[in-house]
């Protein structure tokens, strides 16, 4: 299975201290070079602790950085550069899923025939596949709701909590 991740899910799982969930579900995750720069290089320069955790997953080969040149998404204006390169990488490697939280970027992904999944969908999948027990999933979603440094709407968290 080929999975590509944008910055948001990596940052969210890093801040929760649960990057292991991505490894347990998918084995390895591909990441565009721009996302590496955002999550690791910029994060470390700002002294953000989750950046060091994310870097560790790159150094162990669990997260695999790829340089990608914009081609099909070069003219897309409604999303940022990191999101464009994430989607472009997903197209290039024919990814099964692309992990991305931004609603507009998810719409663009669908438009290009990709299958987007957000952080909360990953947590649901982890519970369904017994990577997490139900109570762990609930606890992690409640943590996301309370944190101001993970940008996922409380209303979305509430919807997922109802499904659990």
N, C-alpha and C. Protein backbone atom coordinates (compact mmCIF):
# COMPACT_ATOMS: atom_id res chain seq x y z
N UNK A 1 0.84 -1.17 0.00
CA UNK A 1 0.00 0.00 0.00
C UNK A 1 0.89 1.25 0.00
N UNK A 2 0.58 2.19 -0.87
CA UNK A 2 1.34 3.44 -0.95
C UNK A 2 0.52 4.58 -0.38
N UNK A 3 1.08 5.24 0.64
CA UNK A 3 0.42 6.34 1.32
C UNK A 3 1.33 7.56 1.23
N UNK A 4 0.73 8.72 0.91
CA UNK A 4 1.45 9.99 0.90
C UNK A 4 0.80 10.88 1.95
N UNK A 5 1.61 11.60 2.72
CA UNK A 5 1.06 12.48 3.75
C UNK A 5 1.48 13.93 3.54
N UNK A 6 0.54 14.80 3.79
CA UNK A 6 0.80 16.23 3.88
C UNK A 6 1.26 16.53 5.31
N UNK A 7 1.60 17.79 5.57
CA UNK A 7 2.14 18.19 6.87
C UNK A 7 1.14 18.02 8.02
N UNK A 8 -0.12 18.40 7.81
CA UNK A 8 -1.10 18.41 8.90
C UNK A 8 -1.19 17.11 9.69
N UNK A 9 -1.42 15.97 9.02
CA UNK A 9 -1.48 14.72 9.78
C UNK A 9 -0.17 14.36 10.49
N UNK A 10 0.97 14.64 9.85
CA UNK A 10 2.25 14.35 10.52
C UNK A 10 2.39 15.19 11.78
N UNK A 11 2.05 16.46 11.67
CA UNK A 11 2.14 17.36 12.82
C UNK A 11 1.17 16.93 13.92
N UNK A 12 -0.06 16.61 13.53
CA UNK A 12 -1.06 16.19 14.52
C UNK A 12 -0.61 14.94 15.27
N UNK A 13 -0.19 13.91 14.54
CA UNK A 13 0.25 12.68 15.21
C UNK A 13 1.54 12.91 15.99
N UNK A 14 2.40 13.81 15.50
CA UNK A 14 3.61 14.15 16.23
C UNK A 14 3.29 14.84 17.55
N UNK A 15 2.38 15.80 17.53
CA UNK A 15 2.00 16.52 18.75
C UNK A 15 1.33 15.59 19.75
N UNK A 16 0.62 14.59 19.25
CA UNK A 16 -0.02 13.61 20.13
C UNK A 16 0.97 12.55 20.61
N UNK A 17 2.18 12.56 20.04
CA UNK A 17 3.17 11.54 20.38
C UNK A 17 2.78 10.17 19.87
N UNK A 18 2.03 10.12 18.75
CA UNK A 18 1.51 8.85 18.25
C UNK A 18 1.79 8.64 16.76
N UNK A 19 2.97 9.00 16.32
CA UNK A 19 3.37 8.72 14.94
C UNK A 19 3.38 7.22 14.67
N UNK A 20 3.51 6.43 15.73
CA UNK A 20 3.52 4.97 15.60
C UNK A 20 2.25 4.44 14.94
N UNK A 21 1.15 5.17 15.09
CA UNK A 21 -0.12 4.73 14.48
C UNK A 21 0.04 4.65 12.96
N UNK A 22 0.69 5.66 12.38
CA UNK A 22 0.90 5.65 10.92
C UNK A 22 1.76 4.46 10.51
N UNK A 23 2.79 4.19 11.28
CA UNK A 23 3.66 3.05 10.97
C UNK A 23 2.91 1.73 11.09
N UNK A 24 2.11 1.58 12.15
CA UNK A 24 1.39 0.32 12.35
C UNK A 24 0.33 0.09 11.28
N UNK A 25 -0.31 1.16 10.83
CA UNK A 25 -1.34 1.01 9.80
C UNK A 25 -0.76 0.83 8.41
N UNK A 26 0.29 1.60 8.08
CA UNK A 26 0.74 1.67 6.69
C UNK A 26 2.17 1.21 6.44
N UNK A 27 2.92 0.92 7.48
CA UNK A 27 4.32 0.52 7.30
C UNK A 27 5.20 1.73 7.06
N UNK A 28 5.09 2.31 5.88
CA UNK A 28 5.86 3.51 5.57
C UNK A 28 4.95 4.53 4.89
N UNK A 29 5.40 5.77 4.91
CA UNK A 29 4.60 6.88 4.38
C UNK A 29 5.53 7.75 3.54
N UNK A 30 5.09 8.08 2.32
CA UNK A 30 5.85 8.97 1.45
C UNK A 30 5.48 10.42 1.73
N UNK A 31 6.49 11.28 1.65
CA UNK A 31 6.30 12.69 1.97
C UNK A 31 7.09 13.52 0.96
N UNK A 32 6.46 14.55 0.42
CA UNK A 32 7.15 15.45 -0.50
C UNK A 32 8.20 16.26 0.25
N UNK A 33 9.26 16.63 -0.46
CA UNK A 33 10.36 17.38 0.14
C UNK A 33 9.88 18.66 0.83
N UNK A 34 8.92 19.37 0.24
CA UNK A 34 8.39 20.60 0.83
C UNK A 34 7.74 20.33 2.18
N UNK A 35 7.10 19.19 2.33
CA UNK A 35 6.46 18.82 3.60
C UNK A 35 7.53 18.49 4.63
N UNK A 36 8.60 17.85 4.21
CA UNK A 36 9.73 17.60 5.11
C UNK A 36 10.29 18.93 5.62
N UNK A 37 10.47 19.88 4.70
CA UNK A 37 10.98 21.21 5.07
C UNK A 37 10.06 21.87 6.10
N UNK A 38 8.75 21.76 5.88
CA UNK A 38 7.78 22.39 6.78
C UNK A 38 7.74 21.72 8.15
N UNK A 39 7.70 20.39 8.15
CA UNK A 39 7.50 19.67 9.41
C UNK A 39 8.78 19.51 10.22
N UNK A 40 9.90 19.32 9.54
CA UNK A 40 11.15 19.04 10.25
C UNK A 40 12.05 20.28 10.30
N UNK A 41 12.46 20.78 9.15
CA UNK A 41 13.43 21.88 9.13
C UNK A 41 12.87 23.12 9.80
N UNK A 42 11.68 23.56 9.38
CA UNK A 42 11.07 24.76 9.99
C UNK A 42 10.72 24.49 11.45
N UNK A 43 10.19 23.30 11.72
CA UNK A 43 9.81 22.96 13.09
C UNK A 43 10.98 22.99 14.05
N UNK A 44 12.11 22.41 13.63
CA UNK A 44 13.30 22.41 14.49
C UNK A 44 13.82 23.83 14.67
N UNK A 45 13.80 24.63 13.60
CA UNK A 45 14.30 26.01 13.73
C UNK A 45 13.43 26.83 14.69
N UNK A 46 12.16 26.42 14.84
CA UNK A 46 11.25 27.10 15.78
C UNK A 46 11.25 26.43 17.15
N UNK A 47 12.00 25.33 17.31
CA UNK A 47 12.09 24.65 18.59
C UNK A 47 10.85 23.84 18.94
N UNK A 48 10.12 23.39 17.94
CA UNK A 48 8.89 22.63 18.16
C UNK A 48 9.26 21.16 18.39
N UNK A 49 8.87 20.61 19.53
CA UNK A 49 9.32 19.27 19.91
C UNK A 49 8.85 18.17 18.96
N UNK A 50 7.65 18.30 18.38
CA UNK A 50 7.18 17.23 17.49
C UNK A 50 8.03 17.14 16.23
N UNK A 51 8.73 18.20 15.85
CA UNK A 51 9.59 18.16 14.67
C UNK A 51 10.71 17.14 14.85
N UNK A 52 11.22 17.01 16.08
CA UNK A 52 12.28 16.03 16.36
C UNK A 52 11.74 14.61 16.25
N UNK A 53 10.50 14.40 16.70
CA UNK A 53 9.88 13.08 16.58
C UNK A 53 9.69 12.72 15.11
N UNK A 54 9.21 13.68 14.34
CA UNK A 54 8.99 13.44 12.91
C UNK A 54 10.33 13.14 12.23
N UNK A 55 11.35 13.91 12.57
CA UNK A 55 12.68 13.68 11.98
C UNK A 55 13.17 12.26 12.28
N UNK A 56 12.90 11.77 13.48
CA UNK A 56 13.30 10.42 13.85
C UNK A 56 12.67 9.38 12.92
N UNK A 57 11.41 9.58 12.56
CA UNK A 57 10.74 8.64 11.65
C UNK A 57 11.34 8.69 10.25
N UNK A 58 11.83 9.85 9.83
CA UNK A 58 12.55 9.94 8.55
C UNK A 58 13.88 9.22 8.66
N UNK A 59 14.61 9.43 9.74
CA UNK A 59 15.93 8.82 9.88
C UNK A 59 15.84 7.30 9.96
N UNK A 60 14.73 6.79 10.45
CA UNK A 60 14.54 5.34 10.53
C UNK A 60 13.94 4.75 9.25
N UNK A 61 13.65 5.61 8.28
CA UNK A 61 13.14 5.14 6.98
C UNK A 61 11.66 4.83 6.97
N UNK A 62 10.95 5.18 8.01
CA UNK A 62 9.51 4.95 8.06
C UNK A 62 8.79 5.99 7.20
N UNK A 63 9.23 7.24 7.33
CA UNK A 63 8.77 8.30 6.44
C UNK A 63 9.83 8.46 5.36
N UNK A 64 9.39 8.47 4.12
CA UNK A 64 10.32 8.52 2.98
C UNK A 64 10.10 9.80 2.19
N UNK A 65 11.12 10.66 2.18
CA UNK A 65 11.03 11.93 1.48
C UNK A 65 11.29 11.73 -0.01
N UNK A 66 10.48 12.41 -0.83
CA UNK A 66 10.65 12.38 -2.27
C UNK A 66 10.59 13.80 -2.81
N UNK A 67 11.50 14.11 -3.72
CA UNK A 67 11.46 15.39 -4.42
C UNK A 67 10.50 15.20 -5.58
N UNK A 68 9.62 16.16 -5.76
CA UNK A 68 8.65 16.06 -6.84
C UNK A 68 8.54 17.42 -7.52
N UNK A 69 8.47 17.39 -8.84
CA UNK A 69 8.29 18.61 -9.61
C UNK A 69 6.82 18.76 -9.94
N UNK A 70 6.33 19.96 -9.78
CA UNK A 70 4.92 20.20 -10.10
C UNK A 70 4.69 20.08 -11.60
N UNK A 71 3.66 19.35 -11.94
CA UNK A 71 3.30 19.18 -13.34
C UNK A 71 1.80 19.41 -13.47
N UNK A 72 1.01 18.40 -13.11
CA UNK A 72 -0.45 18.49 -13.25
C UNK A 72 -1.06 19.55 -12.34
N UNK A 73 -0.46 19.80 -11.19
CA UNK A 73 -1.04 20.73 -10.22
C UNK A 73 -0.39 22.11 -10.22
N UNK A 74 0.49 22.36 -11.16
CA UNK A 74 1.22 23.62 -11.20
C UNK A 74 0.29 24.83 -11.25
N UNK A 75 -0.80 24.74 -11.98
CA UNK A 75 -1.70 25.88 -12.16
C UNK A 75 -2.80 25.98 -11.10
N UNK A 76 -2.85 25.03 -10.19
CA UNK A 76 -3.87 25.06 -9.14
C UNK A 76 -3.53 26.20 -8.18
N UNK A 77 -4.48 27.10 -7.98
CA UNK A 77 -4.19 28.28 -7.17
C UNK A 77 -4.83 28.25 -5.78
N UNK A 78 -5.79 27.36 -5.55
CA UNK A 78 -6.54 27.43 -4.28
C UNK A 78 -5.88 26.71 -3.11
N UNK A 79 -4.73 26.05 -3.36
CA UNK A 79 -4.02 25.39 -2.26
C UNK A 79 -2.55 25.82 -2.25
N UNK A 80 -1.90 25.59 -1.11
CA UNK A 80 -0.51 26.00 -0.93
C UNK A 80 0.46 25.03 -1.60
N UNK A 81 1.71 25.47 -1.68
CA UNK A 81 2.75 24.70 -2.37
C UNK A 81 2.95 23.31 -1.79
N UNK A 82 2.98 23.20 -0.45
CA UNK A 82 3.17 21.89 0.18
C UNK A 82 2.05 20.93 -0.16
N UNK A 83 0.83 21.44 -0.19
CA UNK A 83 -0.32 20.61 -0.55
C UNK A 83 -0.25 20.20 -2.01
N UNK A 84 0.16 21.12 -2.87
CA UNK A 84 0.30 20.80 -4.30
C UNK A 84 1.31 19.68 -4.50
N UNK A 85 2.48 19.81 -3.85
CA UNK A 85 3.51 18.79 -4.04
C UNK A 85 3.10 17.45 -3.42
N UNK A 86 2.34 17.50 -2.34
CA UNK A 86 1.83 16.27 -1.74
C UNK A 86 0.91 15.55 -2.73
N UNK A 87 -0.01 16.29 -3.32
CA UNK A 87 -0.95 15.69 -4.28
C UNK A 87 -0.22 15.23 -5.54
N UNK A 88 0.74 16.01 -5.99
CA UNK A 88 1.52 15.64 -7.17
C UNK A 88 2.26 14.33 -6.91
N UNK A 89 2.89 14.22 -5.73
CA UNK A 89 3.59 12.99 -5.38
C UNK A 89 2.63 11.81 -5.36
N UNK A 90 1.45 12.01 -4.80
CA UNK A 90 0.46 10.93 -4.76
C UNK A 90 0.09 10.48 -6.17
N UNK A 91 -0.01 11.43 -7.09
CA UNK A 91 -0.31 11.08 -8.49
C UNK A 91 0.85 10.32 -9.12
N UNK A 92 2.08 10.79 -8.89
CA UNK A 92 3.27 10.20 -9.50
C UNK A 92 3.45 8.75 -9.05
N UNK A 93 3.29 8.50 -7.75
CA UNK A 93 3.54 7.13 -7.26
C UNK A 93 2.27 6.28 -7.25
N UNK A 94 1.17 6.85 -7.72
CA UNK A 94 -0.13 6.15 -7.75
C UNK A 94 -0.50 5.66 -6.34
N UNK A 95 -0.56 6.61 -5.42
CA UNK A 95 -0.84 6.31 -4.02
C UNK A 95 -2.25 5.77 -3.83
N UNK A 96 -2.39 4.88 -2.87
CA UNK A 96 -3.71 4.36 -2.51
C UNK A 96 -4.53 5.43 -1.79
N UNK A 97 -3.84 6.21 -0.94
CA UNK A 97 -4.48 7.28 -0.17
C UNK A 97 -3.51 8.44 -0.03
N UNK A 98 -4.07 9.62 0.17
CA UNK A 98 -3.27 10.78 0.52
C UNK A 98 -3.82 11.33 1.83
N UNK A 99 -2.95 11.47 2.82
CA UNK A 99 -3.35 11.97 4.14
C UNK A 99 -3.26 13.48 4.11
N UNK A 100 -4.42 14.13 4.24
CA UNK A 100 -4.47 15.58 4.13
C UNK A 100 -5.71 16.08 4.87
N UNK A 101 -5.55 17.09 5.69
CA UNK A 101 -6.66 17.58 6.52
C UNK A 101 -7.40 18.77 5.93
N UNK A 102 -6.72 19.60 5.16
CA UNK A 102 -7.34 20.82 4.63
C UNK A 102 -8.48 20.47 3.68
N UNK A 103 -9.66 21.05 3.93
CA UNK A 103 -10.87 20.74 3.15
C UNK A 103 -10.71 21.07 1.67
N UNK A 104 -10.14 22.22 1.37
CA UNK A 104 -9.96 22.60 -0.04
C UNK A 104 -8.99 21.65 -0.73
N UNK A 105 -7.91 21.31 -0.07
CA UNK A 105 -6.93 20.38 -0.65
C UNK A 105 -7.55 19.00 -0.86
N UNK A 106 -8.45 18.60 0.02
CA UNK A 106 -9.14 17.32 -0.15
C UNK A 106 -10.04 17.35 -1.40
N UNK A 107 -10.70 18.49 -1.62
CA UNK A 107 -11.52 18.65 -2.82
C UNK A 107 -10.68 18.56 -4.08
N UNK A 108 -9.51 19.21 -4.06
CA UNK A 108 -8.60 19.15 -5.21
C UNK A 108 -8.13 17.71 -5.41
N UNK A 109 -7.81 17.02 -4.34
CA UNK A 109 -7.38 15.62 -4.43
C UNK A 109 -8.43 14.78 -5.14
N UNK A 110 -9.67 14.94 -4.74
CA UNK A 110 -10.77 14.17 -5.35
C UNK A 110 -10.90 14.52 -6.83
N UNK A 111 -10.76 15.80 -7.13
CA UNK A 111 -10.85 16.26 -8.53
C UNK A 111 -9.81 15.58 -9.41
N UNK A 112 -8.65 15.26 -8.82
CA UNK A 112 -7.58 14.62 -9.57
C UNK A 112 -7.58 13.09 -9.42
N UNK A 113 -8.66 12.55 -8.87
CA UNK A 113 -8.80 11.11 -8.79
C UNK A 113 -8.09 10.47 -7.61
N UNK A 114 -7.68 11.27 -6.64
CA UNK A 114 -7.01 10.73 -5.45
C UNK A 114 -8.03 10.46 -4.34
N UNK A 115 -7.62 9.63 -3.40
CA UNK A 115 -8.48 9.30 -2.26
C UNK A 115 -7.89 9.94 -1.00
N UNK A 116 -8.47 11.07 -0.56
CA UNK A 116 -7.95 11.72 0.65
C UNK A 116 -8.50 11.09 1.92
N UNK A 117 -7.67 11.16 2.95
CA UNK A 117 -8.03 10.70 4.30
C UNK A 117 -7.46 11.71 5.26
N UNK A 118 -8.23 12.10 6.26
CA UNK A 118 -7.74 13.03 7.26
C UNK A 118 -7.26 12.32 8.52
N UNK A 119 -6.72 13.11 9.42
CA UNK A 119 -6.21 12.60 10.69
C UNK A 119 -7.29 11.82 11.43
N UNK A 120 -8.51 12.35 11.47
CA UNK A 120 -9.59 11.69 12.20
C UNK A 120 -9.98 10.37 11.54
N UNK A 121 -9.95 10.31 10.21
CA UNK A 121 -10.22 9.05 9.50
C UNK A 121 -9.17 8.00 9.82
N UNK A 122 -7.94 8.44 9.95
CA UNK A 122 -6.86 7.51 10.31
C UNK A 122 -7.10 6.94 11.70
N UNK A 123 -7.53 7.80 12.62
CA UNK A 123 -7.83 7.32 13.98
C UNK A 123 -8.98 6.32 13.97
N UNK A 124 -10.01 6.59 13.18
CA UNK A 124 -11.12 5.63 13.06
C UNK A 124 -10.63 4.30 12.51
N UNK A 125 -9.81 4.38 11.46
CA UNK A 125 -9.25 3.15 10.87
C UNK A 125 -8.41 2.39 11.89
N UNK A 126 -7.64 3.12 12.70
CA UNK A 126 -6.80 2.47 13.71
C UNK A 126 -7.65 1.71 14.72
N UNK A 127 -8.80 2.26 15.09
CA UNK A 127 -9.70 1.57 16.02
C UNK A 127 -10.31 0.35 15.32
N UNK A 128 -10.78 0.53 14.08
CA UNK A 128 -11.41 -0.59 13.35
C UNK A 128 -10.44 -1.74 13.12
N UNK A 129 -9.16 -1.42 12.91
CA UNK A 129 -8.16 -2.45 12.63
C UNK A 129 -7.43 -2.91 13.90
N UNK A 130 -7.93 -2.50 15.07
CA UNK A 130 -7.38 -2.91 16.37
C UNK A 130 -5.94 -2.47 16.60
N UNK A 131 -5.53 -1.38 15.95
CA UNK A 131 -4.24 -0.77 16.26
C UNK A 131 -4.39 0.03 17.56
N UNK A 132 -5.59 0.58 17.75
CA UNK A 132 -5.96 1.27 18.99
C UNK A 132 -7.22 0.62 19.54
N UNK A 133 -7.34 0.59 20.86
CA UNK A 133 -8.63 0.20 21.41
C UNK A 133 -9.54 1.44 21.36
N UNK A 134 -10.82 1.21 21.40
CA UNK A 134 -11.81 2.28 21.26
C UNK A 134 -11.54 3.45 22.22
N UNK A 135 -11.26 3.14 23.48
CA UNK A 135 -11.02 4.19 24.47
C UNK A 135 -9.80 5.04 24.14
N UNK A 136 -8.76 4.42 23.56
CA UNK A 136 -7.59 5.19 23.14
C UNK A 136 -7.96 6.16 22.02
N UNK A 137 -8.75 5.68 21.06
CA UNK A 137 -9.20 6.53 19.97
C UNK A 137 -10.00 7.71 20.48
N UNK A 138 -10.90 7.45 21.41
CA UNK A 138 -11.71 8.52 22.01
C UNK A 138 -10.81 9.53 22.72
N UNK A 139 -9.86 9.05 23.49
CA UNK A 139 -8.95 9.92 24.23
C UNK A 139 -8.14 10.81 23.27
N UNK A 140 -7.63 10.23 22.18
CA UNK A 140 -6.84 11.01 21.23
C UNK A 140 -7.69 12.09 20.55
N UNK A 141 -8.92 11.76 20.20
CA UNK A 141 -9.79 12.75 19.58
C UNK A 141 -10.15 13.86 20.57
N UNK A 142 -10.36 13.50 21.81
CA UNK A 142 -10.61 14.52 22.83
C UNK A 142 -9.39 15.44 23.01
N UNK A 143 -8.20 14.86 22.91
CA UNK A 143 -6.99 15.68 22.99
C UNK A 143 -6.91 16.65 21.81
N UNK A 144 -7.25 16.16 20.64
CA UNK A 144 -7.25 17.03 19.45
C UNK A 144 -8.20 18.20 19.66
N UNK A 145 -9.38 17.91 20.19
CA UNK A 145 -10.38 18.97 20.44
C UNK A 145 -9.84 20.05 21.36
N UNK A 146 -9.08 19.66 22.37
CA UNK A 146 -8.60 20.61 23.38
C UNK A 146 -7.38 21.40 22.93
N UNK A 147 -6.61 20.84 22.03
CA UNK A 147 -5.34 21.48 21.64
C UNK A 147 -5.58 22.62 20.67
N UNK A 148 -4.90 23.70 20.89
CA UNK A 148 -4.98 24.86 19.98
C UNK A 148 -3.94 24.76 18.86
N UNK A 149 -3.00 23.82 18.99
CA UNK A 149 -1.95 23.70 17.98
C UNK A 149 -2.20 22.57 16.99
N UNK A 150 -3.37 21.96 17.06
CA UNK A 150 -3.81 21.00 16.04
C UNK A 150 -5.09 21.58 15.45
N UNK A 151 -5.03 21.88 14.16
CA UNK A 151 -6.09 22.67 13.53
C UNK A 151 -7.16 21.79 12.90
N UNK A 152 -7.89 21.09 13.74
CA UNK A 152 -9.02 20.27 13.29
C UNK A 152 -10.24 20.77 14.05
N UNK A 153 -11.31 21.03 13.33
CA UNK A 153 -12.51 21.61 13.93
C UNK A 153 -13.10 20.70 15.00
N UNK A 154 -13.54 21.33 16.07
CA UNK A 154 -14.18 20.58 17.16
C UNK A 154 -15.41 19.83 16.65
N UNK A 155 -16.16 20.45 15.74
CA UNK A 155 -17.37 19.81 15.22
C UNK A 155 -17.05 18.51 14.48
N UNK A 156 -15.93 18.47 13.78
CA UNK A 156 -15.51 17.23 13.11
C UNK A 156 -15.13 16.18 14.14
N UNK A 157 -14.44 16.62 15.19
CA UNK A 157 -14.07 15.69 16.26
C UNK A 157 -15.34 15.09 16.89
N UNK A 158 -16.34 15.93 17.11
CA UNK A 158 -17.60 15.45 17.70
C UNK A 158 -18.28 14.41 16.80
N UNK A 159 -18.26 14.65 15.49
CA UNK A 159 -18.86 13.69 14.55
C UNK A 159 -18.17 12.33 14.63
N UNK A 160 -16.84 12.35 14.69
CA UNK A 160 -16.08 11.10 14.76
C UNK A 160 -16.29 10.43 16.11
N UNK A 161 -16.36 11.20 17.17
CA UNK A 161 -16.61 10.62 18.49
C UNK A 161 -17.96 9.90 18.51
N UNK A 162 -18.97 10.46 17.82
CA UNK A 162 -20.27 9.79 17.74
C UNK A 162 -20.15 8.45 17.02
N UNK A 163 -19.30 8.39 16.01
CA UNK A 163 -19.12 7.13 15.26
C UNK A 163 -18.39 6.08 16.06
N UNK A 164 -17.59 6.53 17.02
CA UNK A 164 -16.87 5.57 17.87
C UNK A 164 -17.79 5.03 18.95
